[in-house]
Amino acid sequence: MEHMFRTRGGSVDVTLARSDDVWILGEHRATVESDGRLKIHLSNGTSGFATVAKVGDCWWVHFKGHTFNFERIEPGASQSGDEGGLTAPMPGKVLQVLVEVGQTVSAGETLMVLEAMKMEHRILAAAPGSITEIHFAAGEQVQQGSVLLAMDEQD
């Protein structure tokens, strides 16, 4: 079954199929272990356990120290959205703000560190760009989906 999702880096098409106890996610696989944990097997041969939460049409995937957000796009829906906005993956506390307004950042650079569920979550730049807004300071509480900061992405 084909699905389209919006992520920080744009939109992606995902083919989901199930074979016995294995979910096929494009080039990757996922299995549910006997203890209920979800194990992701990447196409490059690495694997690890993931935590997944669904809120509305958004899937939050916590995998190998990173948090990914996938918003399902209904067929025929507009694909424009809040481009360049970076949101809190879950309720938590801002531990560090590592950038300033006007600062130029590289793709993959850590912008902010949150603490949620007794774990640190790094908010990363999906693309190179410039920070245009910072909405929270270190020590402040954030709600799931709160826009933490904004940036203009460079082409």
Protein backbone atom coordinates (compact mmCIF):
# COMPACT_ATOMS: atom_id res chain seq x y z
CA MET A 1 0.00 0.00 0.00
CA GLU A 2 1.41 3.40 -1.03
CA HIS A 3 1.42 6.31 1.42
CA MET A 4 2.85 9.82 1.21
CA PHE A 5 4.33 11.52 4.26
CA ARG A 6 5.63 15.03 4.90
CA THR A 7 8.93 15.27 6.79
CA ARG A 8 11.36 18.08 7.57
CA GLY A 9 13.19 17.35 4.34
CA GLY A 10 10.09 17.41 2.11
CA SER A 11 7.70 14.64 1.19
CA VAL A 12 8.43 10.94 0.80
CA ASP A 13 6.51 8.07 -0.75
CA VAL A 14 6.45 4.94 1.42
CA THR A 15 5.31 1.50 0.35
CA LEU A 16 4.02 -0.50 3.30
CA ALA A 17 3.51 -4.23 2.99
CA ARG A 18 3.22 -7.01 5.53
CA SER A 19 4.66 -10.49 5.17
CA ASP A 20 4.06 -12.73 8.21
CA ASP A 21 5.44 -10.72 11.16
CA VAL A 22 7.58 -8.39 9.03
CA TRP A 23 6.52 -4.94 7.85
CA ILE A 24 8.23 -3.77 4.66
CA LEU A 25 8.94 -0.02 4.73
CA GLY A 26 10.33 0.75 1.29
CA GLU A 27 13.90 -0.60 1.45
CA HIS A 28 13.73 -1.22 5.21
CA ARG A 29 12.00 -3.80 7.42
CA ALA A 30 10.40 -3.71 10.86
CA THR A 31 9.61 -6.61 13.16
CA VAL A 32 7.76 -6.78 16.46
CA GLU A 33 9.86 -8.70 18.98
CA SER A 34 8.31 -11.17 21.45
CA ASP A 35 8.55 -8.54 24.22
CA GLY A 36 6.56 -6.06 22.08
CA ARG A 37 9.49 -3.84 21.07
CA LEU A 38 9.77 -2.68 17.46
CA LYS A 39 13.05 -3.51 15.74
CA ILE A 40 14.00 -1.60 12.59
CA HIS A 41 16.31 -3.28 10.06
CA LEU A 42 17.84 -0.71 7.69
CA SER A 43 18.82 -1.51 4.12
CA ASN A 44 22.52 -0.89 4.97
CA GLY A 45 22.48 -3.89 7.34
CA THR A 46 22.24 -2.02 10.64
CA SER A 47 19.33 -2.43 13.01
CA GLY A 48 18.04 -1.07 16.29
CA PHE A 49 14.98 -0.67 18.43
CA ALA A 50 12.57 2.20 17.82
CA THR A 51 9.82 3.83 19.82
CA VAL A 52 6.84 4.92 17.73
CA ALA A 53 3.88 7.10 18.68
CA LYS A 54 0.94 8.18 16.53
CA VAL A 55 -0.86 11.45 17.21
CA GLY A 56 -3.58 12.23 14.66
CA ASP A 57 -1.99 11.85 11.22
CA CYS A 58 1.55 12.26 12.60
CA TRP A 59 3.90 9.42 13.39
CA TRP A 60 6.80 10.17 15.77
CA VAL A 61 9.69 7.71 15.47
CA HIS A 62 12.53 7.71 18.01
CA PHE A 63 15.44 5.71 16.58
CA LYS A 64 19.14 5.64 17.51
CA GLY A 65 19.04 8.92 19.42
CA HIS A 66 17.10 10.83 16.76
CA THR A 67 13.45 11.79 16.52
CA PHE A 68 11.68 11.76 13.17
CA ASN A 69 8.21 13.12 12.41
CA PHE A 70 6.13 11.80 9.52
CA GLU A 71 2.82 13.49 8.76
CA ARG A 72 0.53 11.49 6.47
CA ILE A 73 -0.60 13.43 3.42
CA GLU A 74 -4.05 12.50 2.23
CA PRO A 75 -4.24 11.79 -1.51
CA GLY A 76 -5.01 15.02 -3.36
CA ALA A 77 -4.08 17.26 -0.42
CA SER A 78 -1.89 20.31 -0.89
CA GLN A 79 1.74 19.58 -0.08
CA SER A 80 2.57 23.10 1.05
CA GLY A 81 2.96 23.49 4.77
CA ASP A 82 4.94 25.07 7.53
CA GLU A 83 8.27 24.69 5.75
CA GLY A 84 11.33 25.35 7.84
CA GLY A 85 9.49 25.11 11.19
CA LEU A 86 10.93 22.77 13.80
CA THR A 87 8.55 21.31 16.38
CA ALA A 88 8.78 19.49 19.72
CA PRO A 89 8.36 15.73 19.23
CA MET A 90 6.74 15.39 22.68
CA PRO A 91 6.17 17.42 25.84
CA GLY A 92 9.43 18.23 27.60
CA LYS A 93 11.95 20.78 28.81
CA VAL A 94 14.45 22.76 26.74
CA LEU A 95 17.92 21.89 28.06
CA GLN A 96 20.03 23.87 25.59
CA VAL A 97 19.56 26.34 22.75
CA LEU A 98 22.70 26.03 20.64
CA VAL A 99 21.95 28.69 18.00
CA GLU A 100 21.09 32.39 17.74
CA VAL A 101 18.77 34.29 15.40
CA GLY A 102 20.66 35.08 12.20
CA GLN A 103 23.10 32.21 12.63
CA THR A 104 23.87 30.10 9.55
CA VAL A 105 23.61 26.35 10.18
CA SER A 106 24.52 23.20 8.28
CA ALA A 107 22.28 20.21 7.57
CA GLY A 108 22.40 17.83 10.53
CA GLU A 109 23.65 20.49 12.96
CA THR A 110 22.13 20.31 16.46
CA LEU A 111 20.00 23.39 17.08
CA MET A 112 18.38 22.62 20.42
CA VAL A 113 18.38 19.84 23.02
CA LEU A 114 15.16 18.79 24.78
CA GLU A 115 14.61 16.45 27.70
CA ALA A 116 11.50 14.29 27.47
CA MET A 117 10.66 10.94 29.02
CA LYS A 118 14.06 11.00 30.82
CA MET A 119 15.87 11.08 27.46
CA GLU A 120 17.64 13.84 25.57
CA HIS A 121 16.30 14.63 22.11
CA ARG A 122 18.40 16.65 19.70
CA ILE A 123 16.58 18.96 17.30
CA LEU A 124 18.58 18.95 14.06
CA ALA A 125 18.61 21.15 10.98
CA ALA A 126 17.20 19.15 8.06
CA ALA A 127 19.00 21.37 5.55
CA PRO A 128 21.48 24.24 5.52
CA GLY A 129 19.94 27.60 6.30
CA SER A 130 19.64 30.57 8.60
CA ILE A 131 17.83 30.72 11.97
CA THR A 132 14.99 33.28 11.78
CA GLU A 133 13.16 32.75 15.11
CA ILE A 134 13.73 31.07 18.48
CA HIS A 135 10.55 30.61 20.52
CA PHE A 136 11.86 28.97 23.71
CA ALA A 137 14.83 29.40 26.05
CA ALA A 138 16.73 26.85 28.13
CA GLY A 139 14.67 25.77 31.13
CA GLU A 140 11.27 26.37 29.52
CA GLN A 141 8.64 23.64 29.17
CA VAL A 142 7.27 22.84 25.70
CA GLN A 143 4.21 20.94 24.57
CA GLN A 144 4.17 18.32 21.83
CA GLY A 145 3.97 20.03 18.44
CA SER A 146 5.16 23.43 19.75
CA VAL A 147 7.18 25.30 17.13
CA LEU A 148 10.60 25.59 18.77
CA LEU A 149 12.37 27.68 16.18
CA ALA A 150 12.20 28.57 12.53
CA MET A 151 14.75 28.78 9.77
CA ASP A 152 15.00 29.77 6.14
CA GLU A 153 16.44 26.83 4.26
CA GLN A 154 19.06 27.48 1.59
CA ASP A 155 18.74 25.83 -1.80
